[in-house]
Amino acid sequence: MEQPPVPRKRPRGIYLLPNLFTTAALFAGFYAILAATQGRFEASSIAIFAAMLLDGFDGRVARMTHTQTAFGAEYDSLSDMVAFGVAPALVAYHWALGGLGKLGWLVAFVYCAAAALRLARFNTQVGTADKRFFQGLPSPSAAALVAGGVWIGADQGIDPSYVSWIAAAVTAGAGLLMVSNFRYYSFKQLDLHGRVPFMLAVAVMLGVALILIQPPIVLFLGFLGYAISGPVWTLISLRDRRASRRRGRTGGGV
């Protein structure tokens, strides 16, 4: 009598390499909070940008090494919540929003809650959403917008009390854009392995040079432009759709 096949045991443990990058991003977000409580706002802002770079590596490393797991996805989401949700809100609060009293912590909480909602919506739409676009401003870009503003203030020696309302507007605006329905280009369709035009390589070189000259200003303006691109892209798409519908109705009447 044949014996039933013995079920294979599921391998235990996690893949080390991609989760090292995720842990490093988590640490950068944690360090940003600690630095902000000590008044070192330039270091806290740089730590958030470092978390962005590390967050971009963990997914790429997982895909390249074929080590994508459900655990890694969940861990990455929790790390993003700390680095791009909690950390920017607290950094902005300690720098300028605290001077606004209850309104300040309310703005910081709105940003933090919006980041949580943005990440939850993204996780539920992974298998169905159009990969060419993000729905709502991505949380790393929103964090870069807030951290970039703080970095400029710390680098230029600006008194936070003079710009507290501007900081509140930037923080609240970044939070609301995260939970909006505006579409943002994801850049996931870019082919980095193939040939690119020579002028594109020159543009990248010039961009890197500008960042090295004035990192906080260039990065802030770059992510501000990306944040504005969502509403502009969405409005242009809606206008084109309405125009095509009008042309269709006009053509059908003839």
C-alpha atoms as a PDB file:
ATOM      1  CA  MET A   1       0.000   0.000   0.000  1.00  0.00           C
ATOM      2  CA  GLU A   2       1.441   3.315  -1.065  1.00  0.00           C
ATOM      3  CA  GLN A   3       2.116   5.880   1.596  1.00  0.00           C
ATOM      4  CA  PRO A   4       0.610   9.354   1.084  1.00  0.00           C
ATOM      5  CA  PRO A   5       3.170  11.943   0.068  1.00  0.00           C
ATOM      6  CA  VAL A   6       4.652  13.836   2.973  1.00  0.00           C
ATOM      7  CA  PRO A   7       3.734  17.505   2.730  1.00  0.00           C
ATOM      8  CA  ARG A   8       6.721  19.744   2.254  1.00  0.00           C
ATOM      9  CA  LYS A   9       7.448  22.094   5.092  1.00  0.00           C
ATOM     10  CA  ARG A  10       7.290  25.731   4.267  1.00  0.00           C
ATOM     11  CA  PRO A  11      10.695  27.363   4.514  1.00  0.00           C
ATOM     12  CA  ARG A  12      10.912  29.554   7.551  1.00  0.00           C
ATOM     13  CA  GLY A  13      12.733  32.843   7.831  1.00  0.00           C
ATOM     14  CA  ILE A  14      12.951  35.957   5.688  1.00  0.00           C
ATOM     15  CA  TYR A  15      15.202  37.148   2.884  1.00  0.00           C
ATOM     16  CA  LEU A  16      17.961  39.253   4.383  1.00  0.00           C
ATOM     17  CA  LEU A  17      19.137  41.548   1.585  1.00  0.00           C
ATOM     18  CA  PRO A  18      15.952  43.471   0.647  1.00  0.00           C
ATOM     19  CA  ASN A  19      14.843  43.666   4.274  1.00  0.00           C
ATOM     20  CA  LEU A  20      18.194  45.215   5.209  1.00  0.00           C
ATOM     21  CA  PHE A  21      17.362  48.165   2.968  1.00  0.00           C
ATOM     22  CA  THR A  22      13.876  48.381   4.479  1.00  0.00           C
ATOM     23  CA  THR A  23      15.344  48.323   7.986  1.00  0.00           C
ATOM     24  CA  ALA A  24      17.827  51.025   7.025  1.00  0.00           C
ATOM     25  CA  ALA A  25      14.964  53.202   5.711  1.00  0.00           C
ATOM     26  CA  LEU A  26      13.067  52.601   8.941  1.00  0.00           C
ATOM     27  CA  PHE A  27      16.135  53.614  10.961  1.00  0.00           C
ATOM     28  CA  ALA A  28      16.536  56.783   8.871  1.00  0.00           C
ATOM     29  CA  GLY A  29      12.945  57.777   9.660  1.00  0.00           C
ATOM     30  CA  PHE A  30      13.471  57.003  13.355  1.00  0.00           C
ATOM     31  CA  TYR A  31      16.690  59.019  13.362  1.00  0.00           C
ATOM     32  CA  ALA A  32      14.908  61.954  11.716  1.00  0.00           C
ATOM     33  CA  ILE A  33      12.466  62.073  14.625  1.00  0.00           C
ATOM     34  CA  LEU A  34      15.265  61.913  17.219  1.00  0.00           C
ATOM     35  CA  ALA A  35      17.249  64.640  15.442  1.00  0.00           C
ATOM     36  CA  ALA A  36      14.193  66.906  15.278  1.00  0.00           C
ATOM     37  CA  THR A  37      13.584  66.577  19.033  1.00  0.00           C
ATOM     38  CA  GLN A  38      17.177  67.748  19.555  1.00  0.00           C
ATOM     39  CA  GLY A  39      16.760  70.732  17.228  1.00  0.00           C
ATOM     40  CA  ARG A  40      18.994  69.315  14.467  1.00  0.00           C
ATOM     41  CA  PHE A  41      16.561  69.932  11.644  1.00  0.00           C
ATOM     42  CA  GLU A  42      19.055  69.806   8.794  1.00  0.00           C
ATOM     43  CA  ALA A  43      20.123  66.306   9.877  1.00  0.00           C
ATOM     44  CA  SER A  44      16.501  65.210  10.261  1.00  0.00           C
ATOM     45  CA  SER A  45      15.606  66.433   6.772  1.00  0.00           C
ATOM     46  CA  ILE A  46      18.620  64.706   5.208  1.00  0.00           C
ATOM     47  CA  ALA A  47      17.636  61.490   7.022  1.00  0.00           C
ATOM     48  CA  ILE A  48      14.189  61.573   5.375  1.00  0.00           C
ATOM     49  CA  PHE A  49      15.778  61.949   1.940  1.00  0.00           C
ATOM     50  CA  ALA A  50      18.121  59.080   2.795  1.00  0.00           C
ATOM     51  CA  ALA A  51      15.063  56.981   3.661  1.00  0.00           C
ATOM     52  CA  MET A  52      13.685  57.775   0.197  1.00  0.00           C
ATOM     53  CA  LEU A  53      16.795  56.406  -1.495  1.00  0.00           C
ATOM     54  CA  LEU A  54      16.815  53.283   0.647  1.00  0.00           C
ATOM     55  CA  ASP A  55      13.098  52.724   0.051  1.00  0.00           C
ATOM     56  CA  GLY A  56      13.712  52.839  -3.676  1.00  0.00           C
ATOM     57  CA  PHE A  57      16.423  50.204  -3.415  1.00  0.00           C
ATOM     58  CA  ASP A  58      14.606  47.546  -1.382  1.00  0.00           C
ATOM     59  CA  GLY A  59      11.931  46.867  -3.990  1.00  0.00           C
ATOM     60  CA  ARG A  60      14.418  46.841  -6.863  1.00  0.00           C
ATOM     61  CA  VAL A  61      16.740  44.499  -4.984  1.00  0.00           C
ATOM     62  CA  ALA A  62      13.837  42.153  -4.193  1.00  0.00           C
ATOM     63  CA  ARG A  63      12.814  42.028  -7.861  1.00  0.00           C
ATOM     64  CA  MET A  64      16.370  41.565  -9.105  1.00  0.00           C
ATOM     65  CA  THR A  65      17.084  38.740  -6.648  1.00  0.00           C
ATOM     66  CA  HIS A  66      13.586  37.206  -6.921  1.00  0.00           C
ATOM     67  CA  THR A  67      13.088  37.565  -3.157  1.00  0.00           C
ATOM     68  CA  GLN A  68       9.671  39.280  -3.192  1.00  0.00           C
ATOM     69  CA  THR A  69       7.474  38.085  -0.332  1.00  0.00           C
ATOM     70  CA  ALA A  70       4.257  39.148   1.378  1.00  0.00           C
ATOM     71  CA  PHE A  71       6.272  39.727   4.533  1.00  0.00           C
ATOM     72  CA  GLY A  72       8.601  42.100   2.704  1.00  0.00           C
ATOM     73  CA  ALA A  73       5.677  44.062   1.287  1.00  0.00           C
ATOM     74  CA  GLU A  74       4.068  44.473   4.706  1.00  0.00           C
ATOM     75  CA  TYR A  75       7.364  45.380   6.340  1.00  0.00           C
ATOM     76  CA  ASP A  76       8.057  47.944   3.628  1.00  0.00           C
ATOM     77  CA  SER A  77       4.631  49.515   4.191  1.00  0.00           C
ATOM     78  CA  LEU A  78       5.225  49.829   7.938  1.00  0.00           C
ATOM     79  CA  SER A  79       8.657  51.314   7.307  1.00  0.00           C
ATOM     80  CA  ASP A  80       7.133  53.834   4.895  1.00  0.00           C
ATOM     81  CA  MET A  81       4.600  54.870   7.528  1.00  0.00           C
ATOM     82  CA  VAL A  82       7.375  55.756   9.955  1.00  0.00           C
ATOM     83  CA  ALA A  83       9.782  57.340   7.453  1.00  0.00           C
ATOM     84  CA  PHE A  84       7.257  59.189   5.265  1.00  0.00           C
ATOM     85  CA  GLY A  85       4.272  59.570   7.589  1.00  0.00           C
ATOM     86  CA  VAL A  86       5.272  60.010  11.217  1.00  0.00           C
ATOM     87  CA  ALA A  87       8.771  61.449  10.722  1.00  0.00           C
ATOM     88  CA  PRO A  88       7.900  64.376   8.382  1.00  0.00           C
ATOM     89  CA  ALA A  89       4.891  65.309  10.525  1.00  0.00           C
ATOM     90  CA  LEU A  90       6.959  65.437  13.721  1.00  0.00           C
ATOM     91  CA  VAL A  91       9.912  67.166  12.056  1.00  0.00           C
ATOM     92  CA  ALA A  92       7.610  69.903  10.733  1.00  0.00           C
ATOM     93  CA  TYR A  93       5.878  70.145  14.109  1.00  0.00           C
ATOM     94  CA  HIS A  94       9.102  70.549  16.074  1.00  0.00           C
ATOM     95  CA  TRP A  95      10.461  73.063  13.570  1.00  0.00           C
ATOM     96  CA  ALA A  96       7.541  75.440  12.968  1.00  0.00           C
ATOM     97  CA  LEU A  97       4.086  73.976  13.534  1.00  0.00           C
ATOM     98  CA  GLY A  98       4.449  73.837  17.318  1.00  0.00           C
ATOM     99  CA  GLY A  99       4.288  77.628  17.434  1.00  0.00           C
ATOM    100  CA  LEU A 100       0.728  77.503  16.081  1.00  0.00           C
ATOM    101  CA  GLY A 101      -0.608  75.703  19.148  1.00  0.00           C
ATOM    102  CA  LYS A 102      -3.496  73.301  18.591  1.00  0.00           C
ATOM    103  CA  LEU A 103      -3.633  74.140  14.910  1.00  0.00           C
ATOM    104  CA  GLY A 104      -0.021  73.050  14.559  1.00  0.00           C
ATOM    105  CA  TRP A 105      -0.475  69.576  15.962  1.00  0.00           C
ATOM    106  CA  LEU A 106      -3.753  69.243  14.066  1.00  0.00           C
ATOM    107  CA  VAL A 107      -1.944  69.943  10.769  1.00  0.00           C
ATOM    108  CA  ALA A 108       0.775  67.448  11.708  1.00  0.00           C
ATOM    109  CA  PHE A 109      -1.853  64.820  12.511  1.00  0.00           C
ATOM    110  CA  VAL A 110      -3.716  65.464   9.255  1.00  0.00           C
ATOM    111  CA  TYR A 111      -0.509  64.799   7.341  1.00  0.00           C
ATOM    112  CA  CYS A 112       0.240  61.650   9.368  1.00  0.00           C
ATOM    113  CA  ALA A 113      -3.290  60.271   8.938  1.00  0.00           C
ATOM    114  CA  ALA A 114      -3.244  61.073   5.215  1.00  0.00           C
ATOM    115  CA  ALA A 115      -0.004  59.116   4.832  1.00  0.00           C
ATOM    116  CA  ALA A 116      -1.597  56.109   6.550  1.00  0.00           C
ATOM    117  CA  LEU A 117      -4.660  56.299   4.301  1.00  0.00           C
ATOM    118  CA  ARG A 118      -2.466  56.720   1.205  1.00  0.00           C
ATOM    119  CA  LEU A 119      -0.423  53.623   2.042  1.00  0.00           C
ATOM    120  CA  ALA A 120      -3.538  51.574   2.843  1.00  0.00           C
ATOM    121  CA  ARG A 121      -5.162  52.553  -0.460  1.00  0.00           C
ATOM    122  CA  PHE A 122      -1.984  51.759  -2.371  1.00  0.00           C
ATOM    123  CA  ASN A 123      -1.726  48.297  -0.777  1.00  0.00           C
ATOM    124  CA  THR A 124      -5.311  47.436  -1.737  1.00  0.00           C
ATOM    125  CA  GLN A 125      -4.826  48.550  -5.353  1.00  0.00           C
ATOM    126  CA  VAL A 126      -1.492  46.882  -6.110  1.00  0.00           C
ATOM    127  CA  GLY A 127      -2.941  44.236  -8.405  1.00  0.00           C
ATOM    128  CA  THR A 128      -5.546  46.395 -10.171  1.00  0.00           C
ATOM    129  CA  ALA A 129      -4.131  49.911 -10.535  1.00  0.00           C
ATOM    130  CA  ASP A 130      -2.517  51.243 -13.701  1.00  0.00           C
ATOM    131  CA  LYS A 131       1.221  50.964 -13.010  1.00  0.00           C
ATOM    132  CA  ARG A 132       1.974  53.986 -15.156  1.00  0.00           C
ATOM    133  CA  PHE A 133       0.321  56.297 -12.634  1.00  0.00           C
ATOM    134  CA  PHE A 134      -0.130  56.764  -8.899  1.00  0.00           C
ATOM    135  CA  GLN A 135      -3.486  57.760  -7.484  1.00  0.00           C
ATOM    136  CA  GLY A 136      -2.627  60.596  -5.152  1.00  0.00           C
ATOM    137  CA  LEU A 137       0.796  62.009  -4.363  1.00  0.00           C
ATOM    138  CA  PRO A 138       3.165  59.179  -3.305  1.00  0.00           C
ATOM    139  CA  SER A 139       4.102  59.355   0.379  1.00  0.00           C
ATOM    140  CA  PRO A 140       7.882  59.606  -0.292  1.00  0.00           C
ATOM    141  CA  SER A 141       7.293  62.647  -2.521  1.00  0.00           C
ATOM    142  CA  ALA A 142       5.030  64.246   0.099  1.00  0.00           C
ATOM    143  CA  ALA A 143       7.686  63.604   2.747  1.00  0.00           C
ATOM    144  CA  ALA A 144      10.346  65.147   0.484  1.00  0.00           C
ATOM    145  CA  LEU A 145       8.179  68.245   0.057  1.00  0.00           C
ATOM    146  CA  VAL A 146       7.838  68.732   3.824  1.00  0.00           C
ATOM    147  CA  ALA A 147      11.437  67.802   4.620  1.00  0.00           C
ATOM    148  CA  GLY A 148      12.739  69.982   1.797  1.00  0.00           C
ATOM    149  CA  GLY A 149      10.959  73.014   3.208  1.00  0.00           C
ATOM    150  CA  VAL A 150      12.372  72.374   6.672  1.00  0.00           C
ATOM    151  CA  TRP A 151      15.842  71.835   5.193  1.00  0.00           C
ATOM    152  CA  ILE A 152      15.699  75.186   3.393  1.00  0.00           C
ATOM    153  CA  GLY A 153      14.670  76.929   6.607  1.00  0.00           C
ATOM    154  CA  ALA A 154      17.427  75.303   8.637  1.00  0.00           C
ATOM    155  CA  ASP A 155      20.050  75.863   5.938  1.00  0.00           C
ATOM    156  CA  GLN A 156      19.169  79.526   5.405  1.00  0.00           C
ATOM    157  CA  GLY A 157      18.741  80.287   9.115  1.00  0.00           C
ATOM    158  CA  ILE A 158      15.094  81.303   8.717  1.00  0.00           C
ATOM    159  CA  ASP A 159      13.193  81.950  11.941  1.00  0.00           C
ATOM    160  CA  PRO A 160      10.442  79.282  11.994  1.00  0.00           C
ATOM    161  CA  SER A 161       7.961  81.684  13.622  1.00  0.00           C
ATOM    162  CA  TYR A 162       8.060  83.842  10.474  1.00  0.00           C
ATOM    163  CA  VAL A 163       7.062  80.986   8.176  1.00  0.00           C
ATOM    164  CA  SER A 164       4.889  78.850  10.447  1.00  0.00           C
ATOM    165  CA  TRP A 165       1.780  79.457   8.343  1.00  0.00           C
ATOM    166  CA  ILE A 166       3.654  78.617   5.148  1.00  0.00           C
ATOM    167  CA  ALA A 167       4.942  75.407   6.781  1.00  0.00           C
ATOM    168  CA  ALA A 168       1.378  74.570   7.822  1.00  0.00           C
ATOM    169  CA  ALA A 169       0.102  75.135   4.273  1.00  0.00           C
ATOM    170  CA  VAL A 170       2.849  72.963   2.748  1.00  0.00           C
ATOM    171  CA  THR A 171       2.325  70.164   5.291  1.00  0.00           C
ATOM    172  CA  ALA A 172      -1.457  70.159   5.023  1.00  0.00           C
ATOM    173  CA  GLY A 173      -1.310  70.480   1.232  1.00  0.00           C
ATOM    174  CA  ALA A 174       1.061  67.537   0.938  1.00  0.00           C
ATOM    175  CA  GLY A 175      -1.242  65.480   3.126  1.00  0.00           C
ATOM    176  CA  LEU A 176      -4.365  66.326   1.137  1.00  0.00           C
ATOM    177  CA  LEU A 177      -2.613  65.595  -2.154  1.00  0.00           C
ATOM    178  CA  MET A 178      -1.741  62.115  -0.876  1.00  0.00           C
ATOM    179  CA  VAL A 179      -5.424  61.217  -0.424  1.00  0.00           C
ATOM    180  CA  SER A 180      -6.589  63.020  -3.563  1.00  0.00           C
ATOM    181  CA  ASN A 181      -7.596  61.359  -6.822  1.00  0.00           C
ATOM    182  CA  PHE A 182      -5.039  63.275  -8.864  1.00  0.00           C
ATOM    183  CA  ARG A 183      -2.900  61.074 -11.098  1.00  0.00           C
ATOM    184  CA  TYR A 184       0.873  61.207 -10.875  1.00  0.00           C
ATOM    185  CA  TYR A 185       3.248  59.659 -13.369  1.00  0.00           C
ATOM    186  CA  SER A 186       5.037  56.737 -11.715  1.00  0.00           C
ATOM    187  CA  PHE A 187       8.138  56.584 -13.975  1.00  0.00           C
ATOM    188  CA  LYS A 188       7.913  52.782 -13.769  1.00  0.00           C
ATOM    189  CA  GLN A 189       7.809  52.523 -17.565  1.00  0.00           C
ATOM    190  CA  LEU A 190      11.230  54.109 -18.009  1.00  0.00           C
ATOM    191  CA  ASP A 191      13.724  51.680 -19.504  1.00  0.00           C
ATOM    192  CA  LEU A 192      16.984  52.274 -17.643  1.00  0.00           C
ATOM    193  CA  HIS A 193      18.732  49.357 -19.360  1.00  0.00           C
ATOM    194  CA  GLY A 194      18.281  50.484 -22.955  1.00  0.00           C
ATOM    195  CA  ARG A 195      19.773  53.347 -24.937  1.00  0.00           C
ATOM    196  CA  VAL A 196      18.744  56.893 -24.111  1.00  0.00           C
ATOM    197  CA  PRO A 197      19.122  60.133 -26.109  1.00  0.00           C
ATOM    198  CA  PHE A 198      22.387  61.973 -25.594  1.00  0.00           C
ATOM    199  CA  MET A 199      20.604  65.143 -24.444  1.00  0.00           C
ATOM    200  CA  LEU A 200      18.834  63.193 -21.717  1.00  0.00           C
ATOM    201  CA  ALA A 201      22.204  62.141 -20.326  1.00  0.00           C
ATOM    202  CA  VAL A 202      23.321  65.792 -20.423  1.00  0.00           C
ATOM    203  CA  ALA A 203      20.126  66.862 -18.623  1.00  0.00           C
ATOM    204  CA  VAL A 204      20.694  64.273 -15.904  1.00  0.00           C
ATOM    205  CA  MET A 205      24.278  65.481 -15.469  1.00  0.00           C
ATOM    206  CA  LEU A 206      23.116  69.097 -15.151  1.00  0.00           C
ATOM    207  CA  GLY A 207      20.420  68.070 -12.682  1.00  0.00           C
ATOM    208  CA  VAL A 208      22.949  66.317 -10.473  1.00  0.00           C
ATOM    209  CA  ALA A 209      25.217  69.384 -10.634  1.00  0.00           C
ATOM    210  CA  LEU A 210      22.363  71.673  -9.560  1.00  0.00           C
ATOM    211  CA  ILE A 211      21.491  69.390  -6.660  1.00  0.00           C
ATOM    212  CA  LEU A 212      25.103  69.423  -5.480  1.00  0.00           C
ATOM    213  CA  ILE A 213      25.207  73.240  -5.607  1.00  0.00           C
ATOM    214  CA  GLN A 214      22.018  73.854  -3.592  1.00  0.00           C
ATOM    215  CA  PRO A 215      20.550  70.519  -2.440  1.00  0.00           C
ATOM    216  CA  PRO A 216      17.634  71.791  -0.281  1.00  0.00           C
ATOM    217  CA  ILE A 217      16.362  74.391  -2.758  1.00  0.00           C
ATOM    218  CA  VAL A 218      16.701  72.222  -5.872  1.00  0.00           C
ATOM    219  CA  LEU A 219      15.148  69.156  -4.231  1.00  0.00           C
ATOM    220  CA  PHE A 220      12.273  71.178  -2.772  1.00  0.00           C
ATOM    221  CA  LEU A 221      11.509  72.853  -6.098  1.00  0.00           C
ATOM    222  CA  GLY A 222      11.761  69.534  -7.924  1.00  0.00           C
ATOM    223  CA  PHE A 223       9.276  67.787  -5.656  1.00  0.00           C
ATOM    224  CA  LEU A 224       7.053  70.869  -5.573  1.00  0.00           C
ATOM    225  CA  GLY A 225       6.878  70.700  -9.358  1.00  0.00           C
ATOM    226  CA  TYR A 226       6.015  66.998  -9.154  1.00  0.00           C
ATOM    227  CA  ALA A 227       3.288  67.723  -6.585  1.00  0.00           C
ATOM    228  CA  ILE A 228       1.775  70.357  -8.883  1.00  0.00           C
ATOM    229  CA  SER A 229       2.002  68.058 -11.907  1.00  0.00           C
ATOM    230  CA  GLY A 230      -0.775  65.823 -10.553  1.00  0.00           C
ATOM    231  CA  PRO A 231      -3.559  68.421 -10.600  1.00  0.00           C
ATOM    232  CA  VAL A 232      -2.290  69.865 -13.890  1.00  0.00           C
ATOM    233  CA  TRP A 233      -2.115  66.420 -15.561  1.00  0.00           C
ATOM    234  CA  THR A 234      -5.578  65.491 -14.276  1.00  0.00           C
ATOM    235  CA  LEU A 235      -7.170  68.748 -15.420  1.00  0.00           C
ATOM    236  CA  ILE A 236      -5.602  68.443 -18.878  1.00  0.00           C
ATOM    237  CA  SER A 237      -6.851  64.852 -19.170  1.00  0.00           C
ATOM    238  CA  LEU A 238     -10.374  65.871 -18.158  1.00  0.00           C
ATOM    239  CA  ARG A 239     -10.358  68.722 -20.665  1.00  0.00           C
ATOM    240  CA  ASP A 240      -9.228  66.405 -23.467  1.00  0.00           C
ATOM    241  CA  ARG A 241     -11.908  63.848 -22.577  1.00  0.00           C
ATOM    242  CA  ARG A 242     -14.644  66.461 -22.595  1.00  0.00           C
ATOM    243  CA  ALA A 243     -13.401  67.830 -25.901  1.00  0.00           C
ATOM    244  CA  SER A 244     -13.398  64.354 -27.462  1.00  0.00           C
ATOM    245  CA  ARG A 245     -16.925  63.724 -26.178  1.00  0.00           C
ATOM    246  CA  ARG A 246     -18.147  66.985 -27.679  1.00  0.00           C
ATOM    247  CA  ARG A 247     -16.538  66.127 -30.999  1.00  0.00           C
ATOM    248  CA  GLY A 248     -18.144  62.680 -30.862  1.00  0.00           C
ATOM    249  CA  ARG A 249     -21.594  64.139 -30.242  1.00  0.00           C
ATOM    250  CA  THR A 250     -21.106  66.684 -32.993  1.00  0.00           C
ATOM    251  CA  GLY A 251     -19.970  64.008 -35.439  1.00  0.00           C
ATOM    252  CA  GLY A 252     -22.894  61.753 -34.495  1.00  0.00           C
ATOM    253  CA  GLY A 253     -25.395  64.534 -35.188  1.00  0.00           C
ATOM    254  CA  VAL A 254     -24.048  65.026 -38.686  1.00  0.00           C
END
